[in-house]
Amino acid sequence: MSAIIERHDFTDGGALAEALAQRVADALEARIGEFDRASIALSGGRTPPAFLDALSRKVLPWDRVWITLVDERWVPESSDRSNAGLVRAHLLQNEAAAAHFVPLVNEAPTPEAGLEKAEALLEPLPWPLAVCVLGMGGDGHTASFFPHAAGLDAALSPQPGARLAATSADAAGEPRITLTLPVILDASLIALHIEGIAKLRVLDTARAAGPVEDMPVRGVLRASLRPVEVFWSP
């Protein structure tokens, strides 16, 4: 059974970016108002830059906001495939320059070797996440939950308390590190940011019956206890 989805449709990517940025800013502000601090996990890829730029201009007490990543390729920030590099370039500017940023990659040679240190660096964040912004690939992956990936079981059903898992798959390119499914599900706001007709068709397929391992975004859609907010534009 899939979670309830709240669709937010827009005529273009610019309108989507601004609306998603405002929704995220409101959620962060609400969490800060209640607990004085808030955390958010963000995804990378080609879709988020306009949203991150819009979010960077929102007026918030950013010095009380901790930013981390939903997942990351095990590459240095200087790589054009680094999600951390993307966040630094598009979000940690303007009003959001005062936020705290905790990337996932460290100097270890592999995600498996760097997992313990990455977990330790995440420990001081205010948990649970106030916001988790996910993307989705054409193969139905989200975060670094790739279909039939090595490490997928540990990412979907981790040991108690494990916030991170290492995964790898041919379709993923580089080895990855990712938040585990329980961490994502604990977020107060789960937003799924997708663009293009093809992604809507993938989402429809993911909501139908079938193994989670075939389309791992089903892990989020089926287990979320609150509506997953889908932000879409053509």
Protein backbone atom coordinates (compact mmCIF):
# COMPACT_ATOMS: atom_id res chain seq x y z
CA MET A 1 0.00 0.00 0.00
CA SER A 2 1.39 3.41 -0.99
CA ALA A 3 1.39 6.48 1.22
CA ILE A 4 -0.92 9.32 0.32
CA ILE A 5 0.70 11.64 -2.19
CA GLU A 6 0.05 15.37 -2.29
CA ARG A 7 0.66 16.61 -5.83
CA HIS A 8 1.85 20.16 -6.44
CA ASP A 9 1.91 20.74 -10.21
CA PHE A 10 3.45 23.77 -11.89
CA THR A 11 3.61 25.05 -15.43
CA ASP A 12 7.39 25.43 -15.44
CA GLY A 13 10.49 24.68 -13.43
CA GLY A 14 10.91 28.25 -12.21
CA ALA A 15 7.51 28.32 -10.54
CA LEU A 16 8.17 24.89 -9.04
CA ALA A 17 11.55 25.97 -7.67
CA GLU A 18 10.07 29.02 -5.95
CA ALA A 19 7.11 27.11 -4.47
CA LEU A 20 9.27 24.26 -3.21
CA ALA A 21 11.72 26.73 -1.70
CA GLN A 22 8.89 28.48 0.14
CA ARG A 23 7.45 25.16 1.38
CA VAL A 24 10.87 24.09 2.67
CA ALA A 25 11.52 27.49 4.27
CA ASP A 26 8.17 27.35 6.06
CA ALA A 27 8.95 23.86 7.39
CA LEU A 28 12.38 24.93 8.63
CA GLU A 29 10.94 28.03 10.27
CA ALA A 30 8.26 25.96 12.03
CA ARG A 31 10.87 23.52 13.38
CA ILE A 32 13.13 26.36 14.56
CA GLY A 33 10.16 28.00 16.26
CA GLU A 34 9.51 24.82 18.21
CA PHE A 35 13.01 23.46 18.87
CA ASP A 36 15.35 26.41 18.10
CA ARG A 37 17.28 24.34 15.50
CA ALA A 38 16.42 22.44 12.34
CA SER A 39 18.08 20.11 9.85
CA ILE A 40 17.49 19.37 6.19
CA ALA A 41 18.81 16.72 3.79
CA LEU A 42 19.08 17.57 0.10
CA SER A 43 19.52 15.59 -3.10
CA GLY A 44 21.83 16.30 -6.01
CA GLY A 45 21.62 15.80 -9.74
CA ARG A 46 20.59 18.11 -12.56
CA THR A 47 17.13 19.04 -11.23
CA PRO A 48 17.79 20.94 -7.95
CA PRO A 49 19.93 24.03 -8.87
CA ALA A 50 17.03 26.43 -9.44
CA PHE A 51 15.33 25.26 -6.25
CA LEU A 52 18.56 25.63 -4.25
CA ASP A 53 19.13 29.12 -5.65
CA ALA A 54 15.58 30.11 -4.64
CA LEU A 55 15.98 28.60 -1.17
CA SER A 56 19.25 30.50 -0.63
CA ARG A 57 17.30 33.77 -0.87
CA LYS A 58 14.73 32.90 1.80
CA VAL A 59 15.04 34.93 4.96
CA LEU A 60 15.49 32.50 7.86
CA PRO A 61 17.70 32.24 10.95
CA TRP A 62 20.08 30.14 8.83
CA ASP A 63 22.68 29.98 11.60
CA ARG A 64 20.25 27.56 13.31
CA VAL A 65 19.92 25.33 10.24
CA TRP A 66 22.09 22.22 9.58
CA ILE A 67 22.26 21.02 6.00
CA THR A 68 23.38 17.58 4.90
CA LEU A 69 22.88 15.39 1.86
CA VAL A 70 20.42 12.60 1.15
CA ASP A 71 23.24 10.78 -0.63
CA GLU A 72 26.55 11.32 -2.30
CA ARG A 73 28.91 9.81 -4.84
CA TRP A 74 32.24 8.92 -3.24
CA VAL A 75 34.07 11.68 -5.11
CA PRO A 76 35.87 14.84 -3.96
CA GLU A 77 33.93 18.10 -3.81
CA SER A 78 36.00 19.34 -6.74
CA SER A 79 34.26 16.78 -8.98
CA ASP A 80 31.40 18.09 -11.10
CA ARG A 81 29.48 14.99 -9.93
CA SER A 82 29.72 15.98 -6.25
CA ASN A 83 26.41 16.78 -4.55
CA ALA A 84 28.34 18.69 -1.88
CA GLY A 85 29.85 20.88 -4.58
CA LEU A 86 26.35 21.50 -5.94
CA VAL A 87 25.05 22.59 -2.53
CA ARG A 88 28.01 24.88 -1.92
CA ALA A 89 27.56 26.51 -5.33
CA HIS A 90 23.79 26.98 -5.27
CA LEU A 91 22.59 27.04 -1.65
CA LEU A 92 25.40 28.25 0.62
CA GLN A 93 25.13 31.81 -0.66
CA ASN A 94 22.90 34.84 -0.10
CA GLU A 95 20.82 34.47 3.11
CA ALA A 96 21.73 30.79 3.48
CA ALA A 97 25.47 31.43 3.67
CA ALA A 98 25.19 31.32 7.48
CA ALA A 99 23.90 27.72 7.55
CA HIS A 100 25.95 24.79 8.84
CA PHE A 101 26.85 22.23 6.16
CA VAL A 102 27.84 18.63 6.89
CA PRO A 103 28.87 16.71 3.74
CA LEU A 104 29.05 12.91 3.69
CA VAL A 105 32.37 12.18 1.96
CA ASN A 106 35.65 12.10 3.84
CA GLU A 107 39.25 11.14 3.06
CA ALA A 108 38.64 7.36 3.34
CA PRO A 109 39.21 5.44 0.09
CA THR A 110 35.73 3.87 -0.03
CA PRO A 111 32.27 4.56 1.43
CA GLU A 112 32.56 1.43 3.54
CA ALA A 113 35.84 2.63 5.04
CA GLY A 114 34.46 6.13 5.62
CA LEU A 115 31.09 5.13 7.03
CA GLU A 116 31.96 5.33 10.73
CA LYS A 117 33.48 8.80 10.43
CA ALA A 118 30.59 10.07 8.34
CA GLU A 119 28.14 8.79 10.97
CA ALA A 120 30.10 10.59 13.69
CA LEU A 121 29.99 13.89 11.77
CA LEU A 122 26.21 13.62 11.48
CA GLU A 123 25.71 12.97 15.19
CA PRO A 124 25.55 16.66 16.28
CA LEU A 125 22.75 17.51 13.84
CA PRO A 126 19.31 18.17 15.31
CA TRP A 127 17.39 14.96 14.62
CA PRO A 128 14.99 13.99 13.20
CA LEU A 129 15.20 15.90 9.95
CA ALA A 130 12.73 18.73 9.56
CA VAL A 131 12.88 18.32 5.78
CA CYS A 132 14.10 15.68 3.33
CA VAL A 133 14.03 16.59 -0.36
CA LEU A 134 14.28 13.55 -2.62
CA GLY A 135 14.73 13.13 -6.33
CA MET A 136 13.86 10.08 -8.42
CA GLY A 137 15.60 8.48 -11.38
CA GLY A 138 14.03 6.97 -14.44
CA ASP A 139 14.77 3.53 -13.00
CA GLY A 140 12.79 4.27 -9.85
CA HIS A 141 15.78 4.88 -7.61
CA THR A 142 15.76 7.55 -4.94
CA ALA A 143 18.57 8.60 -2.60
CA SER A 144 21.23 5.98 -3.51
CA PHE A 145 18.69 3.17 -3.36
CA PHE A 146 19.35 1.76 -6.83
CA PRO A 147 17.48 -1.30 -8.10
CA HIS A 148 19.17 -4.45 -6.80
CA ALA A 149 22.23 -2.47 -5.66
CA ALA A 150 24.87 -3.99 -3.45
CA GLY A 151 24.08 -2.69 0.02
CA LEU A 152 20.40 -2.01 -0.75
CA ASP A 153 19.17 -4.27 2.04
CA ALA A 154 21.30 -2.41 4.59
CA ALA A 155 19.99 0.92 3.31
CA LEU A 156 16.33 -0.12 3.44
CA SER A 157 16.50 -2.20 6.62
CA PRO A 158 19.57 -0.97 8.52
CA GLN A 159 20.87 -1.99 11.90
CA PRO A 160 19.12 0.02 14.64
CA GLY A 161 20.50 3.55 14.81
CA ALA A 162 22.41 3.40 11.51
CA ARG A 163 21.85 6.64 9.64
CA LEU A 164 24.07 5.82 6.66
CA ALA A 165 24.75 2.92 4.32
CA ALA A 166 27.20 2.27 1.50
CA THR A 167 25.76 1.16 -1.83
CA SER A 168 27.02 0.42 -5.31
CA ALA A 169 25.41 -0.45 -8.62
CA ASP A 170 26.41 -0.35 -12.27
CA ALA A 171 23.77 2.30 -12.93
CA ALA A 172 25.06 4.47 -10.10
CA GLY A 173 28.52 5.02 -11.53
CA GLU A 174 30.68 5.74 -8.51
CA PRO A 175 30.21 3.98 -5.15
CA ARG A 176 27.72 5.84 -2.99
CA ILE A 177 26.87 6.72 0.58
CA THR A 178 23.23 7.33 1.48
CA LEU A 179 20.88 8.09 4.33
CA THR A 180 19.01 4.98 5.35
CA LEU A 181 15.28 4.61 4.82
CA PRO A 182 14.27 5.09 8.48
CA VAL A 183 16.10 8.44 8.61
CA ILE A 184 14.23 9.63 5.52
CA LEU A 185 10.89 8.41 6.87
CA ASP A 186 11.42 10.26 10.15
CA ALA A 187 11.54 13.64 8.38
CA SER A 188 8.60 15.92 9.14
CA LEU A 189 8.37 16.92 5.48
CA ILE A 190 9.27 14.50 2.68
CA ALA A 191 9.27 16.28 -0.68
CA LEU A 192 9.80 14.48 -3.98
CA HIS A 193 11.08 16.88 -6.65
CA ILE A 194 10.59 15.58 -10.21
CA GLU A 195 10.32 17.22 -13.61
CA GLY A 196 9.13 15.90 -16.98
CA ILE A 197 6.28 13.68 -18.17
CA ALA A 198 8.52 10.61 -18.09
CA LYS A 199 9.06 10.98 -14.33
CA LEU A 200 5.30 11.08 -13.73
CA ARG A 201 5.01 7.77 -15.56
CA VAL A 202 7.81 6.33 -13.43
CA LEU A 203 6.00 7.53 -10.31
CA ASP A 204 2.74 5.92 -11.45
CA THR A 205 4.56 2.64 -12.03
CA ALA A 206 6.26 2.86 -8.65
CA ARG A 207 2.90 3.30 -6.95
CA ALA A 208 1.64 0.06 -8.47
CA ALA A 209 2.30 -3.40 -7.09
CA GLY A 210 5.79 -4.81 -7.46
CA PRO A 211 9.00 -5.52 -5.58
CA VAL A 212 10.71 -2.66 -3.77
CA GLU A 213 14.03 -3.97 -5.09
CA ASP A 214 12.87 -3.27 -8.66
CA MET A 215 11.95 0.36 -7.92
CA PRO A 216 13.36 1.34 -4.52
CA VAL A 217 11.42 4.62 -4.33
CA ARG A 218 8.59 2.27 -3.35
CA GLY A 219 10.32 1.90 -0.01
CA VAL A 220 9.52 5.54 0.75
CA LEU A 221 6.08 5.60 -0.87
CA ARG A 222 4.89 2.49 0.93
CA ALA A 223 6.33 3.10 4.38
CA SER A 224 5.84 6.84 4.89
CA LEU A 225 3.38 7.60 7.68
CA ARG A 226 2.67 11.06 6.30
CA PRO A 227 1.86 12.29 2.79
CA VAL A 228 4.81 12.49 0.43
CA GLU A 229 4.59 15.91 -1.23
CA VAL A 230 5.35 15.63 -4.95
CA PHE A 231 6.52 18.81 -6.69
CA TRP A 232 6.28 18.40 -10.47
CA SER A 233 6.57 20.47 -13.62
CA PRO A 234 6.82 19.45 -17.30
